[in-house]
């Protein structure tokens, strides 16, 4: 049983679409996490904490996101 060339192309397109869709969902989750970290950093600064403390907390929060630093 051989698969025709058009079926292989359709299968490859479906795979690529699924991969792109899942990657965009992951990117959105990362963006939400980083936005939360940034909001926490602003609250830290507004509370009068030193910038070094707020930046360290921001970086630690970002590492917990498991995403690249924007």
PDB file of N, CA and C in Angstrom:
ATOM      1  N   UNK A   1       0.859  -1.165   0.000  1.00  0.00           N
ATOM      2  CA  UNK A   1       0.000   0.000   0.000  1.00  0.00           C
ATOM      3  C   UNK A   1       0.910   1.234   0.000  1.00  0.00           C
ATOM      4  N   UNK A   2       0.851   2.001  -1.070  1.00  0.00           N
ATOM      5  CA  UNK A   2       1.676   3.196  -1.127  1.00  0.00           C
ATOM      6  C   UNK A   2       0.804   4.439  -0.968  1.00  0.00           C
ATOM      7  N   UNK A   3       1.388   5.424  -0.366  1.00  0.00           N
ATOM      8  CA  UNK A   3       0.676   6.682  -0.156  1.00  0.00           C
ATOM      9  C   UNK A   3       1.024   7.602  -1.321  1.00  0.00           C
ATOM     10  N   UNK A   4      -0.008   8.196  -1.897  1.00  0.00           N
ATOM     11  CA  UNK A   4       0.248   9.072  -3.040  1.00  0.00           C
ATOM     12  C   UNK A   4       0.975  10.329  -2.603  1.00  0.00           C
ATOM     13  N   UNK A   5       1.600  10.988  -3.565  1.00  0.00           N
ATOM     14  CA  UNK A   5       2.371  12.187  -3.278  1.00  0.00           C
ATOM     15  C   UNK A   5       1.486  13.284  -2.689  1.00  0.00           C
ATOM     16  N   UNK A   6       0.276  13.444  -3.188  1.00  0.00           N
ATOM     17  CA  UNK A   6      -0.608  14.492  -2.665  1.00  0.00           C
ATOM     18  C   UNK A   6      -1.000  14.207  -1.217  1.00  0.00           C
ATOM     19  N   UNK A   7      -1.168  12.935  -0.870  1.00  0.00           N
ATOM     20  CA  UNK A   7      -1.496  12.591   0.519  1.00  0.00           C
ATOM     21  C   UNK A   7      -0.322  12.899   1.447  1.00  0.00           C
ATOM     22  N   UNK A   8       0.897  12.646   0.967  1.00  0.00           N
ATOM     23  CA  UNK A   8       2.077  12.956   1.774  1.00  0.00           C
ATOM     24  C   UNK A   8       2.207  14.462   1.986  1.00  0.00           C
ATOM     25  N   UNK A   9       1.923  15.230   0.934  1.00  0.00           N
ATOM     26  CA  UNK A   9       1.995  16.685   1.046  1.00  0.00           C
ATOM     27  C   UNK A   9       0.945  17.184   2.029  1.00  0.00           C
ATOM     28  N   UNK A  10      -0.261  16.649   1.935  1.00  0.00           N
ATOM     29  CA  UNK A  10      -1.331  17.052   2.863  1.00  0.00           C
ATOM     30  C   UNK A  10      -0.976  16.681   4.302  1.00  0.00           C
ATOM     31  N   UNK A  11      -0.396  15.514   4.499  1.00  0.00           N
ATOM     32  CA  UNK A  11       0.001  15.098   5.845  1.00  0.00           C
ATOM     33  C   UNK A  11       1.094  16.016   6.387  1.00  0.00           C
ATOM     34  N   UNK A  12       2.041  16.375   5.551  1.00  0.00           N
ATOM     35  CA  UNK A  12       3.112  17.286   5.976  1.00  0.00           C
ATOM     36  C   UNK A  12       2.543  18.655   6.322  1.00  0.00           C
ATOM     37  N   UNK A  13       1.609  19.146   5.521  1.00  0.00           N
ATOM     38  CA  UNK A  13       0.984  20.445   5.811  1.00  0.00           C
ATOM     39  C   UNK A  13       0.213  20.410   7.122  1.00  0.00           C
ATOM     40  N   UNK A  14      -0.511  19.323   7.350  1.00  0.00           N
ATOM     41  CA  UNK A  14      -1.279  19.191   8.595  1.00  0.00           C
ATOM     42  C   UNK A  14      -0.336  19.157   9.799  1.00  0.00           C
ATOM     43  N   UNK A  15       0.770  18.448   9.673  1.00  0.00           N
ATOM     44  CA  UNK A  15       1.746  18.387  10.764  1.00  0.00           C
ATOM     45  C   UNK A  15       2.321  19.770  11.049  1.00  0.00           C
ATOM     46  N   UNK A  16       2.713  20.486   9.990  1.00  0.00           N
ATOM     47  CA  UNK A  16       3.291  21.829  10.163  1.00  0.00           C
ATOM     48  C   UNK A  16       2.283  22.785  10.786  1.00  0.00           C
ATOM     49  N   UNK A  17       1.022  22.694  10.357  1.00  0.00           N
ATOM     50  CA  UNK A  17      -0.012  23.549  10.933  1.00  0.00           C
ATOM     51  C   UNK A  17      -0.173  23.250  12.422  1.00  0.00           C
ATOM     52  N   UNK A  18      -0.227  21.993  12.791  1.00  0.00           N
ATOM     53  CA  UNK A  18      -0.364  21.613  14.200  1.00  0.00           C
ATOM     54  C   UNK A  18       0.815  22.083  15.033  1.00  0.00           C
ATOM     55  N   UNK A  19       2.009  21.948  14.474  1.00  0.00           N
ATOM     56  CA  UNK A  19       3.204  22.399  15.174  1.00  0.00           C
ATOM     57  C   UNK A  19       3.184  23.910  15.375  1.00  0.00           C
ATOM     58  N   UNK A  20       2.836  24.652  14.336  1.00  0.00           N
ATOM     59  CA  UNK A  20       2.781  26.118  14.438  1.00  0.00           C
ATOM     60  C   UNK A  20       1.712  26.549  15.446  1.00  0.00           C
ATOM     61  N   UNK A  21       0.580  25.870  15.439  1.00  0.00           N
ATOM     62  CA  UNK A  21      -0.513  26.202  16.357  1.00  0.00           C
ATOM     63  C   UNK A  21      -0.083  25.992  17.801  1.00  0.00           C
ATOM     64  N   UNK A  22       0.591  24.875  18.080  1.00  0.00           N
ATOM     65  CA  UNK A  22       1.016  24.605  19.452  1.00  0.00           C
ATOM     66  C   UNK A  22       2.117  25.569  19.895  1.00  0.00           C
ATOM     67  N   UNK A  23       2.992  25.955  18.975  1.00  0.00           N
ATOM     68  CA  UNK A  23       4.045  26.905  19.328  1.00  0.00           C
ATOM     69  C   UNK A  23       3.473  28.290  19.622  1.00  0.00           C
ATOM     70  N   UNK A  24       2.437  28.697  18.905  1.00  0.00           N
ATOM     71  CA  UNK A  24       1.842  30.008  19.169  1.00  0.00           C
ATOM     72  C   UNK A  24       1.138  30.011  20.523  1.00  0.00           C
ATOM     73  N   UNK A  25       0.541  28.897  20.893  1.00  0.00           N
ATOM     74  CA  UNK A  25      -0.096  28.802  22.215  1.00  0.00           C
ATOM     75  C   UNK A  25       0.952  28.889  23.313  1.00  0.00           C
ATOM     76  N   UNK A  26       2.096  28.252  23.107  1.00  0.00           N
ATOM     77  CA  UNK A  26       3.186  28.315  24.081  1.00  0.00           C
ATOM     78  C   UNK A  26       3.706  29.742  24.199  1.00  0.00           C
ATOM     79  N   UNK A  27       3.841  30.428  23.073  1.00  0.00           N
ATOM     80  CA  UNK A  27       4.335  31.813  23.084  1.00  0.00           C
ATOM     81  C   UNK A  27       3.379  32.727  23.846  1.00  0.00           C
ATOM     82  N   UNK A  28       2.073  32.512  23.692  1.00  0.00           N
ATOM     83  CA  UNK A  28       1.093  33.329  24.400  1.00  0.00           C
ATOM     84  C   UNK A  28       1.204  33.102  25.908  1.00  0.00           C
ATOM     85  N   UNK A  29       1.423  31.865  26.313  1.00  0.00           N
ATOM     86  CA  UNK A  29       1.584  31.560  27.733  1.00  0.00           C
ATOM     87  C   UNK A  29       2.826  32.252  28.288  1.00  0.00           C
ATOM     88  N   UNK A  30       3.903  32.237  27.508  1.00  0.00           N
ATOM     89  CA  UNK A  30       5.132  32.914  27.934  1.00  0.00           C
ATOM     90  C   UNK A  30       4.898  34.413  28.087  1.00  0.00           C
ATOM     91  N   UNK A  31       4.193  34.986  27.141  1.00  0.00           N
ATOM     92  CA  UNK A  31       3.938  36.429  27.189  1.00  0.00           C
ATOM     93  C   UNK A  31       3.131  36.789  28.432  1.00  0.00           C
ATOM     94  N   UNK A  32       2.123  36.004  28.757  1.00  0.00           N
ATOM     95  CA  UNK A  32       1.318  36.264  29.954  1.00  0.00           C
ATOM     96  C   UNK A  32       2.170  36.157  31.214  1.00  0.00           C
ATOM     97  N   UNK A  33       3.049  35.168  31.249  1.00  0.00           N
ATOM     98  CA  UNK A  33       3.901  34.982  32.420  1.00  0.00           C
ATOM     99  C   UNK A  33       4.834  36.180  32.577  1.00  0.00           C
ATOM    100  N   UNK A  34       5.470  36.602  31.483  1.00  0.00           N
ATOM    101  CA  UNK A  34       6.379  37.750  31.564  1.00  0.00           C
ATOM    102  C   UNK A  34       5.648  39.031  31.931  1.00  0.00           C
ATOM    103  N   UNK A  35       4.427  39.206  31.449  1.00  0.00           N
ATOM    104  CA  UNK A  35       3.649  40.390  31.813  1.00  0.00           C
ATOM    105  C   UNK A  35       3.365  40.396  33.314  1.00  0.00           C
ATOM    106  N   UNK A  36       3.097  39.224  33.863  1.00  0.00           N
ATOM    107  CA  UNK A  36       2.868  39.107  35.308  1.00  0.00           C
ATOM    108  C   UNK A  36       4.138  39.467  36.068  1.00  0.00           C
ATOM    109  N   UNK A  37       5.282  38.991  35.588  1.00  0.00           N
ATOM    110  CA  UNK A  37       6.564  39.321  36.235  1.00  0.00           C
ATOM    111  C   UNK A  37       6.825  40.821  36.173  1.00  0.00           C
ATOM    112  N   UNK A  38       6.526  41.428  35.035  1.00  0.00           N
ATOM    113  CA  UNK A  38       6.746  42.864  34.883  1.00  0.00           C
ATOM    114  C   UNK A  38       5.853  43.656  35.838  1.00  0.00           C
ATOM    115  N   UNK A  39       4.592  43.208  35.988  1.00  0.00           N
ATOM    116  CA  UNK A  39       3.675  43.875  36.918  1.00  0.00           C
ATOM    117  C   UNK A  39       4.205  43.776  38.350  1.00  0.00           C
ATOM    118  N   UNK A  40       4.744  42.605  38.706  1.00  0.00           N
ATOM    119  CA  UNK A  40       5.319  42.435  40.041  1.00  0.00           C
ATOM    120  C   UNK A  40       6.518  43.361  40.227  1.00  0.00           C
ATOM    121  N   UNK A  41       7.301  43.532  39.169  1.00  0.00           N
ATOM    122  CA  UNK A  41       8.465  44.431  39.242  1.00  0.00           C
ATOM    123  C   UNK A  41       8.013  45.872  39.472  1.00  0.00           C
ATOM    124  N   UNK A  42       6.956  46.286  38.796  1.00  0.00           N
ATOM    125  CA  UNK A  42       6.444  47.648  38.981  1.00  0.00           C
ATOM    126  C   UNK A  42       5.934  47.847  40.406  1.00  0.00           C
ATOM    127  N   UNK A  43       5.270  46.848  40.943  1.00  0.00           N
ATOM    128  CA  UNK A  43       4.779  46.924  42.328  1.00  0.00           C
ATOM    129  C   UNK A  43       5.965  47.019  43.286  1.00  0.00           C
ATOM    130  N   UNK A  44       6.996  46.246  43.011  1.00  0.00           N
ATOM    131  CA  UNK A  44       8.211  46.268  43.837  1.00  0.00           C
ATOM    132  C   UNK A  44       8.824  47.661  43.840  1.00  0.00           C
ATOM    133  N   UNK A  45       8.944  48.273  42.664  1.00  0.00           N
ATOM    134  CA  UNK A  45       9.530  49.613  42.548  1.00  0.00           C
ATOM    135  C   UNK A  45       8.639  50.655  43.215  1.00  0.00           C
ATOM    136  N   UNK A  46       7.326  50.520  43.049  1.00  0.00           N
ATOM    137  CA  UNK A  46       6.397  51.471  43.658  1.00  0.00           C
ATOM    138  C   UNK A  46       6.443  51.400  45.184  1.00  0.00           C
ATOM    139  N   UNK A  47       6.806  50.232  45.704  1.00  0.00           N
ATOM    140  CA  UNK A  47       6.905  50.058  47.155  1.00  0.00           C
ATOM    141  C   UNK A  47       8.194  50.660  47.701  1.00  0.00           C
ATOM    142  N   UNK A  48       9.058  51.171  46.808  1.00  0.00           N
ATOM    143  CA  UNK A  48      10.274  51.827  47.246  1.00  0.00           C
ATOM    144  C   UNK A  48      11.479  50.918  47.401  1.00  0.00           C
ATOM    145  N   UNK A  49      11.375  49.704  46.904  1.00  0.00           N
ATOM    146  CA  UNK A  49      12.512  48.784  46.988  1.00  0.00           C
ATOM    147  C   UNK A  49      13.609  49.208  46.007  1.00  0.00           C
ATOM    148  N   UNK A  50      14.862  48.878  46.317  1.00  0.00           N
ATOM    149  CA  UNK A  50      15.959  49.235  45.410  1.00  0.00           C
ATOM    150  C   UNK A  50      15.810  48.538  44.050  1.00  0.00           C
ATOM    151  N   UNK A  51      16.229  49.212  42.988  1.00  0.00           N
ATOM    152  CA  UNK A  51      16.121  48.609  41.649  1.00  0.00           C
ATOM    153  C   UNK A  51      16.809  47.249  41.548  1.00  0.00           C
ATOM    154  N   UNK A  52      17.924  47.065  42.235  1.00  0.00           N
ATOM    155  CA  UNK A  52      18.643  45.788  42.150  1.00  0.00           C
ATOM    156  C   UNK A  52      17.800  44.634  42.697  1.00  0.00           C
ATOM    157  N   UNK A  53      17.065  44.888  43.761  1.00  0.00           N
ATOM    158  CA  UNK A  53      16.206  43.854  44.351  1.00  0.00           C
ATOM    159  C   UNK A  53      15.062  43.521  43.401  1.00  0.00           C
ATOM    160  N   UNK A  54      14.432  44.563  42.853  1.00  0.00           N
ATOM    161  CA  UNK A  54      13.296  44.349  41.947  1.00  0.00           C
ATOM    162  C   UNK A  54      13.724  43.648  40.660  1.00  0.00           C
ATOM    163  N   UNK A  55      14.894  44.003  40.160  1.00  0.00           N
ATOM    164  CA  UNK A  55      15.401  43.364  38.945  1.00  0.00           C
ATOM    165  C   UNK A  55      15.741  41.899  39.205  1.00  0.00           C
ATOM    166  N   UNK A  56      16.350  41.621  40.341  1.00  0.00           N
ATOM    167  CA  UNK A  56      16.672  40.230  40.689  1.00  0.00           C
ATOM    168  C   UNK A  56      15.389  39.403  40.811  1.00  0.00           C
ATOM    169  N   UNK A  57      14.369  39.972  41.456  1.00  0.00           N
ATOM    170  CA  UNK A  57      13.088  39.267  41.578  1.00  0.00           C
ATOM    171  C   UNK A  57      12.442  39.060  40.210  1.00  0.00           C
ATOM    172  N   UNK A  58      12.538  40.063  39.343  1.00  0.00           N
ATOM    173  CA  UNK A  58      11.980  39.993  37.989  1.00  0.00           C
ATOM    174  C   UNK A  58      12.661  38.867  37.201  1.00  0.00           C
ATOM    175  N   UNK A  59      13.985  38.811  37.268  1.00  0.00           N
ATOM    176  CA  UNK A  59      14.717  37.770  36.549  1.00  0.00           C
ATOM    177  C   UNK A  59      14.387  36.378  37.087  1.00  0.00           C
ATOM    178  N   UNK A  60      14.265  36.252  38.404  1.00  0.00           N
ATOM    179  CA  UNK A  60      13.912  34.958  39.003  1.00  0.00           C
ATOM    180  C   UNK A  60      12.508  34.547  38.575  1.00  0.00           C
ATOM    181  N   UNK A  61      11.602  35.496  38.560  1.00  0.00           N
ATOM    182  CA  UNK A  61      10.234  35.222  38.115  1.00  0.00           C
ATOM    183  C   UNK A  61      10.244  34.747  36.665  1.00  0.00           C
ATOM    184  N   UNK A  62      11.014  35.428  35.830  1.00  0.00           N
ATOM    185  CA  UNK A  62      11.104  35.057  34.424  1.00  0.00           C
ATOM    186  C   UNK A  62      11.677  33.668  34.214  1.00  0.00           C
ATOM    187  N   UNK A  63      12.654  33.304  35.022  1.00  0.00           N
ATOM    188  CA  UNK A  63      13.218  31.946  34.905  1.00  0.00           C
ATOM    189  C   UNK A  63      12.174  30.900  35.271  1.00  0.00           C
ATOM    190  N   UNK A  64      11.305  31.223  36.228  1.00  0.00           N
ATOM    191  CA  UNK A  64      10.234  30.282  36.595  1.00  0.00           C
ATOM    192  C   UNK A  64       9.226  30.128  35.462  1.00  0.00           C
ATOM    193  N   UNK A  65       9.128  31.134  34.588  1.00  0.00           N
ATOM    194  CA  UNK A  65       8.223  31.028  33.437  1.00  0.00           C
ATOM    195  C   UNK A  65       8.675  29.915  32.499  1.00  0.00           C
ATOM    196  N   UNK A  66       9.983  29.675  32.467  1.00  0.00           N
ATOM    197  CA  UNK A  66      10.508  28.641  31.587  1.00  0.00           C
ATOM    198  C   UNK A  66      10.600  29.079  30.137  1.00  0.00           C
ATOM    199  N   UNK A  67      10.629  30.385  29.903  1.00  0.00           N
ATOM    200  CA  UNK A  67      10.664  30.932  28.556  1.00  0.00           C
ATOM    201  C   UNK A  67      11.908  31.803  28.409  1.00  0.00           C
ATOM    202  N   UNK A  68      12.211  32.164  27.164  1.00  0.00           N
ATOM    203  CA  UNK A  68      13.322  33.062  26.928  1.00  0.00           C
ATOM    204  C   UNK A  68      13.003  34.437  27.481  1.00  0.00           C
ATOM    205  N   UNK A  69      14.040  35.136  27.924  1.00  0.00           N
ATOM    206  CA  UNK A  69      13.862  36.495  28.415  1.00  0.00           C
ATOM    207  C   UNK A  69      13.567  37.395  27.223  1.00  0.00           C
ATOM    208  N   UNK A  70      12.486  38.159  27.283  1.00  0.00           N
ATOM    209  CA  UNK A  70      12.146  39.022  26.132  1.00  0.00           C
ATOM    210  C   UNK A  70      13.113  40.177  25.978  1.00  0.00           C
TER     211      UNK A  70
END
